[in-house]
Structure formats: C-alpha cells, structure tokens
C-alpha cells in the first residue's frame, strides 16, 4: 500500500476524533481501511509461505496450511 494512502487514513482518523467526518469521508475511510487490511494479510501470507521450522535434527520443513 502506498504511503500516501496510509497518510490519508491517519488524516481521516484524526479528523474523525476532532471534527467528525462527512458521509463521503466515512466511505473513503472504510475503503482505505479495507485495502490496508487486505495488504497486511497478503504480506503476512507471503511471509508465512517462506517460513520454515527446524526440528531437533536440523531438518527444515515448510509450515503446513490448516
């Protein structure tokens, strides 16, 4: 996710605490938050796909999906 969008999420969060948001801003905030959560999930999934467990014998094995 681009830094500009993260900055916009923060601006809207601060504004919602002080002044309140218009309906259009609330919709924008919700869409940006959904996009941010999706990006975090993608990054976590990619990280877990490249994670290996090492047993007592020193053998590596990939994490399994449940």
Protein backbone atom coordinates (compact mmCIF):
# COMPACT_ATOMS: atom_id res chain seq x y z
CA UNK A 1 0.00 0.00 0.00
CA UNK A 2 1.32 3.44 -0.87
CA UNK A 3 2.42 5.79 1.88
CA UNK A 4 0.01 8.45 0.57
CA UNK A 5 -2.96 6.20 1.34
CA UNK A 6 -1.65 5.39 4.82
CA UNK A 7 -1.21 9.11 5.47
CA UNK A 8 -4.78 9.72 4.27
CA UNK A 9 -6.07 7.04 6.69
CA UNK A 10 -4.28 8.85 9.52
CA UNK A 11 -5.64 12.25 8.48
CA UNK A 12 -9.19 10.90 8.42
CA UNK A 13 -8.72 9.19 11.79
CA UNK A 14 -7.53 12.42 13.41
CA UNK A 15 -10.35 14.39 11.79
CA UNK A 16 -12.96 11.89 12.98
CA UNK A 17 -11.78 12.36 16.57
CA UNK A 18 -11.84 16.16 16.44
CA UNK A 19 -14.46 17.39 13.97
CA UNK A 20 -16.25 14.34 12.70
CA UNK A 21 -16.44 13.05 9.14
CA UNK A 22 -18.90 13.59 6.32
CA UNK A 23 -20.59 10.57 4.78
CA UNK A 24 -18.23 10.69 1.80
CA UNK A 25 -15.22 10.77 4.11
CA UNK A 26 -16.58 7.86 6.14
CA UNK A 27 -16.95 5.80 2.96
CA UNK A 28 -13.42 6.76 1.87
CA UNK A 29 -12.05 5.82 5.29
CA UNK A 30 -13.81 2.44 5.22
CA UNK A 31 -12.49 1.67 1.73
CA UNK A 32 -8.95 2.66 2.68
CA UNK A 33 -9.10 0.55 5.83
CA UNK A 34 -10.31 -2.49 3.87
CA UNK A 35 -7.47 -2.02 1.40
CA UNK A 36 -4.96 -1.68 4.26
CA UNK A 37 -6.18 -4.85 6.00
CA UNK A 38 -6.02 -6.76 2.70
CA UNK A 39 -2.42 -5.59 2.18
CA UNK A 40 -1.44 -6.68 5.69
CA UNK A 41 -2.99 -10.10 5.13
CA UNK A 42 -1.17 -10.51 1.80
CA UNK A 43 2.15 -9.58 3.41
CA UNK A 44 1.62 -11.97 6.32
CA UNK A 45 0.65 -14.81 3.99
CA UNK A 46 3.76 -14.22 1.88
CA UNK A 47 5.94 -14.19 4.98
CA UNK A 48 4.43 -17.40 6.33
CA UNK A 49 4.84 -19.14 2.97
CA UNK A 50 8.58 -18.51 3.27
CA UNK A 51 8.85 -19.67 6.89
CA UNK A 52 10.45 -22.99 7.77
CA UNK A 53 10.51 -24.95 11.00
CA UNK A 54 13.76 -26.60 12.04
CA UNK A 55 13.45 -29.81 14.04
CA UNK A 56 15.90 -31.28 16.55
CA UNK A 57 17.85 -33.00 13.78
CA UNK A 58 18.33 -29.73 11.91
CA UNK A 59 15.95 -30.62 9.10
CA UNK A 60 13.90 -27.80 7.66
CA UNK A 61 10.26 -28.21 6.74
CA UNK A 62 7.71 -25.74 5.48
CA UNK A 63 4.73 -24.66 7.54
CA UNK A 64 1.57 -26.52 6.54
CA UNK A 65 -1.80 -24.92 5.87
CA UNK A 66 -4.59 -25.99 8.21
